[in-house]
Amino acid sequence: MARFLYGHLLKRIGEKSLYQRNLLGFLSDIGLGDVAQLEPMRRNERLKRTVYPALDLLKGAAIRGYETDDRGNLFFIPKD
């Protein structure tokens, strides 16, 4: 998963200073549309087991970091 996310994020970030994406849209973009359709509690559980650990592996490689907000958005901060 981390390898796929690496390529996906590098293409999307490009020269941007910040890449913002709605969580549900991001899940659909990376082929996890079925996870986006789960009830919030189950979705968060699945994210904690799969997507977030893969994104953590990318810190320092493809991205400097990522953050979420209370509106369901992901913010990817590109590597310098």
N, C-alpha and C. Protein backbone atom coordinates (compact mmCIF):
# COMPACT_ATOMS: atom_id res chain seq x y z
N MET A 1 0.83 -1.19 0.00
CA MET A 1 0.00 0.00 0.00
C MET A 1 0.87 1.25 0.00
N ALA A 2 1.94 1.25 0.80
CA ALA A 2 2.80 2.43 0.88
C ALA A 2 3.43 2.74 -0.47
N ARG A 3 3.83 1.71 -1.18
CA ARG A 3 4.46 1.91 -2.49
C ARG A 3 3.48 2.57 -3.47
N PHE A 4 2.23 2.12 -3.45
CA PHE A 4 1.22 2.71 -4.32
C PHE A 4 0.96 4.16 -3.93
N LEU A 5 0.81 4.41 -2.62
CA LEU A 5 0.54 5.77 -2.16
C LEU A 5 1.69 6.71 -2.49
N TYR A 6 2.91 6.20 -2.46
CA TYR A 6 4.08 7.00 -2.81
C TYR A 6 3.92 7.57 -4.22
N GLY A 7 3.65 6.71 -5.18
CA GLY A 7 3.47 7.16 -6.56
C GLY A 7 2.28 8.07 -6.72
N HIS A 8 1.18 7.72 -6.08
CA HIS A 8 -0.04 8.53 -6.18
C HIS A 8 0.20 9.94 -5.65
N LEU A 9 0.81 10.04 -4.49
CA LEU A 9 1.03 11.36 -3.90
C LEU A 9 2.04 12.18 -4.66
N LEU A 10 3.10 11.56 -5.14
CA LEU A 10 4.08 12.31 -5.92
C LEU A 10 3.47 12.92 -7.17
N LYS A 11 2.58 12.17 -7.83
CA LYS A 11 1.90 12.72 -9.02
C LYS A 11 0.99 13.87 -8.65
N ARG A 12 0.28 13.76 -7.54
CA ARG A 12 -0.69 14.78 -7.16
C ARG A 12 -0.05 16.03 -6.58
N ILE A 13 1.00 15.85 -5.80
CA ILE A 13 1.62 16.99 -5.14
C ILE A 13 2.38 17.86 -6.14
N GLY A 14 3.20 17.25 -6.97
CA GLY A 14 3.96 18.02 -7.96
C GLY A 14 4.72 19.17 -7.31
N GLU A 15 4.47 20.36 -7.77
CA GLU A 15 5.14 21.55 -7.25
C GLU A 15 4.27 22.33 -6.26
N LYS A 16 3.18 21.74 -5.81
CA LYS A 16 2.28 22.43 -4.89
C LYS A 16 2.92 22.56 -3.52
N SER A 17 2.52 23.60 -2.80
CA SER A 17 3.01 23.78 -1.44
C SER A 17 2.15 23.01 -0.44
N LEU A 18 0.97 22.59 -0.88
CA LEU A 18 0.06 21.81 -0.03
C LEU A 18 -0.92 21.09 -0.94
N TYR A 19 -1.18 19.85 -0.65
CA TYR A 19 -2.17 19.08 -1.41
C TYR A 19 -3.29 18.72 -0.45
N GLN A 20 -4.50 19.19 -0.74
CA GLN A 20 -5.66 18.94 0.10
C GLN A 20 -6.62 18.04 -0.65
N ARG A 21 -7.17 17.06 0.06
CA ARG A 21 -8.14 16.16 -0.57
C ARG A 21 -9.15 15.72 0.48
N ASN A 22 -10.41 15.66 0.09
CA ASN A 22 -11.45 15.12 0.94
C ASN A 22 -11.16 13.66 1.19
N LEU A 23 -11.30 13.20 2.42
CA LEU A 23 -10.97 11.82 2.78
C LEU A 23 -11.71 10.80 1.93
N LEU A 24 -13.00 10.99 1.74
CA LEU A 24 -13.79 10.02 0.96
C LEU A 24 -13.33 10.01 -0.49
N GLY A 25 -13.03 11.17 -1.04
CA GLY A 25 -12.50 11.25 -2.41
C GLY A 25 -11.13 10.60 -2.52
N PHE A 26 -10.29 10.82 -1.52
CA PHE A 26 -8.96 10.21 -1.50
C PHE A 26 -9.07 8.69 -1.48
N LEU A 27 -9.96 8.17 -0.65
CA LEU A 27 -10.14 6.72 -0.59
C LEU A 27 -10.60 6.17 -1.94
N SER A 28 -11.47 6.87 -2.60
CA SER A 28 -11.92 6.44 -3.94
C SER A 28 -10.76 6.52 -4.93
N ASP A 29 -9.95 7.56 -4.85
CA ASP A 29 -8.80 7.73 -5.74
C ASP A 29 -7.82 6.56 -5.63
N ILE A 30 -7.63 6.04 -4.43
CA ILE A 30 -6.63 5.00 -4.22
C ILE A 30 -7.23 3.60 -4.26
N GLY A 31 -8.48 3.49 -4.72
CA GLY A 31 -9.09 2.18 -4.89
C GLY A 31 -9.73 1.61 -3.65
N LEU A 32 -9.97 2.44 -2.65
CA LEU A 32 -10.62 1.98 -1.43
C LEU A 32 -12.00 2.61 -1.27
N GLY A 33 -12.72 2.71 -2.38
CA GLY A 33 -14.07 3.26 -2.34
C GLY A 33 -15.00 2.48 -1.44
N ASP A 34 -14.75 1.17 -1.29
CA ASP A 34 -15.57 0.36 -0.40
C ASP A 34 -15.39 0.79 1.05
N VAL A 35 -14.20 1.21 1.42
CA VAL A 35 -13.94 1.69 2.78
C VAL A 35 -14.67 3.02 2.99
N ALA A 36 -14.71 3.85 1.96
CA ALA A 36 -15.40 5.15 2.05
C ALA A 36 -16.88 4.97 2.34
N GLN A 37 -17.44 3.84 1.94
CA GLN A 37 -18.87 3.60 2.12
C GLN A 37 -19.22 3.02 3.49
N LEU A 38 -18.23 2.65 4.28
CA LEU A 38 -18.49 2.08 5.60
C LEU A 38 -19.00 3.15 6.55
N GLU A 39 -19.68 2.70 7.61
CA GLU A 39 -20.10 3.65 8.64
C GLU A 39 -18.84 4.25 9.27
N PRO A 40 -18.92 5.48 9.77
CA PRO A 40 -17.72 6.18 10.24
C PRO A 40 -16.85 5.40 11.23
N MET A 41 -17.44 4.71 12.17
CA MET A 41 -16.66 3.98 13.17
C MET A 41 -15.84 2.86 12.52
N ARG A 42 -16.45 2.11 11.64
CA ARG A 42 -15.75 1.02 10.96
C ARG A 42 -14.71 1.58 9.98
N ARG A 43 -15.05 2.68 9.31
CA ARG A 43 -14.12 3.31 8.38
C ARG A 43 -12.86 3.76 9.12
N ASN A 44 -13.03 4.42 10.27
CA ASN A 44 -11.89 4.90 11.05
C ASN A 44 -11.02 3.74 11.52
N GLU A 45 -11.66 2.65 11.90
CA GLU A 45 -10.91 1.47 12.33
C GLU A 45 -10.06 0.93 11.18
N ARG A 46 -10.65 0.86 10.01
CA ARG A 46 -9.93 0.35 8.83
C ARG A 46 -8.80 1.29 8.42
N LEU A 47 -9.04 2.60 8.50
CA LEU A 47 -8.01 3.57 8.19
C LEU A 47 -6.82 3.44 9.13
N LYS A 48 -7.09 3.24 10.40
CA LYS A 48 -6.02 3.11 11.39
C LYS A 48 -5.19 1.85 11.17
N ARG A 49 -5.79 0.83 10.57
CA ARG A 49 -5.05 -0.42 10.33
C ARG A 49 -4.33 -0.45 9.00
N THR A 50 -4.79 0.33 8.01
CA THR A 50 -4.20 0.20 6.67
C THR A 50 -3.62 1.50 6.12
N VAL A 51 -4.44 2.51 5.95
CA VAL A 51 -4.02 3.72 5.25
C VAL A 51 -3.05 4.57 6.07
N TYR A 52 -3.37 4.84 7.32
CA TYR A 52 -2.51 5.70 8.12
C TYR A 52 -1.12 5.10 8.36
N PRO A 53 -1.00 3.80 8.63
CA PRO A 53 0.36 3.24 8.75
C PRO A 53 1.16 3.36 7.44
N ALA A 54 0.49 3.19 6.31
CA ALA A 54 1.17 3.33 5.01
C ALA A 54 1.61 4.78 4.81
N LEU A 55 0.76 5.73 5.17
CA LEU A 55 1.14 7.14 5.05
C LEU A 55 2.28 7.49 6.00
N ASP A 56 2.28 6.89 7.17
CA ASP A 56 3.38 7.14 8.12
C ASP A 56 4.72 6.68 7.55
N LEU A 57 4.70 5.60 6.77
CA LEU A 57 5.93 5.12 6.14
C LEU A 57 6.47 6.11 5.11
N LEU A 58 5.60 6.94 4.57
CA LEU A 58 6.00 7.89 3.53
C LEU A 58 6.56 9.20 4.09
N LYS A 59 6.41 9.41 5.38
CA LYS A 59 6.94 10.64 5.98
C LYS A 59 8.45 10.66 5.79
N GLY A 60 8.92 11.73 5.20
CA GLY A 60 10.34 11.88 4.93
C GLY A 60 10.75 11.36 3.56
N ALA A 61 9.92 10.53 2.94
CA ALA A 61 10.24 10.00 1.61
C ALA A 61 9.48 10.77 0.53
N ALA A 62 8.17 10.70 0.54
CA ALA A 62 7.35 11.39 -0.46
C ALA A 62 6.72 12.66 0.10
N ILE A 63 6.47 12.66 1.39
CA ILE A 63 5.82 13.80 2.03
C ILE A 63 6.55 14.12 3.34
N ARG A 64 6.43 15.37 3.75
CA ARG A 64 6.97 15.73 5.06
C ARG A 64 6.02 15.27 6.14
N GLY A 65 4.72 15.29 5.81
CA GLY A 65 3.72 14.85 6.77
C GLY A 65 2.33 15.02 6.20
N TYR A 66 1.37 14.64 6.99
CA TYR A 66 -0.03 14.79 6.62
C TYR A 66 -0.84 15.10 7.87
N GLU A 67 -1.97 15.73 7.67
CA GLU A 67 -2.86 16.08 8.77
C GLU A 67 -4.30 15.87 8.32
N THR A 68 -5.18 15.71 9.27
CA THR A 68 -6.61 15.62 8.99
C THR A 68 -7.30 16.73 9.77
N ASP A 69 -8.46 17.12 9.29
CA ASP A 69 -9.24 18.09 10.05
C ASP A 69 -10.59 17.49 10.41
N ASP A 70 -11.38 18.24 11.13
CA ASP A 70 -12.68 17.74 11.59
C ASP A 70 -13.74 17.72 10.49
N ARG A 71 -13.43 18.24 9.34
CA ARG A 71 -14.37 18.24 8.21
C ARG A 71 -14.16 17.06 7.27
N GLY A 72 -13.18 16.22 7.56
CA GLY A 72 -12.93 15.06 6.72
C GLY A 72 -11.98 15.33 5.58
N ASN A 73 -11.06 16.28 5.76
CA ASN A 73 -10.08 16.59 4.73
C ASN A 73 -8.70 16.09 5.16
N LEU A 74 -7.93 15.68 4.18
CA LEU A 74 -6.53 15.32 4.39
C LEU A 74 -5.67 16.41 3.78
N PHE A 75 -4.63 16.79 4.47
CA PHE A 75 -3.69 17.79 3.99
C PHE A 75 -2.32 17.13 3.93
N PHE A 76 -1.74 17.11 2.75
CA PHE A 76 -0.42 16.51 2.57
C PHE A 76 0.59 17.64 2.40
N ILE A 77 1.62 17.61 3.22
CA ILE A 77 2.66 18.62 3.17
C ILE A 77 3.84 18.01 2.41
N PRO A 78 4.19 18.59 1.27
CA PRO A 78 5.27 18.00 0.47
C PRO A 78 6.62 18.06 1.17
N LYS A 79 7.45 17.15 0.77
CA LYS A 79 8.82 17.11 1.27
C LYS A 79 9.57 18.31 0.68
N ASP A 80 10.40 18.94 1.45
CA ASP A 80 11.16 20.11 0.96
C ASP A 80 12.12 19.75 -0.13
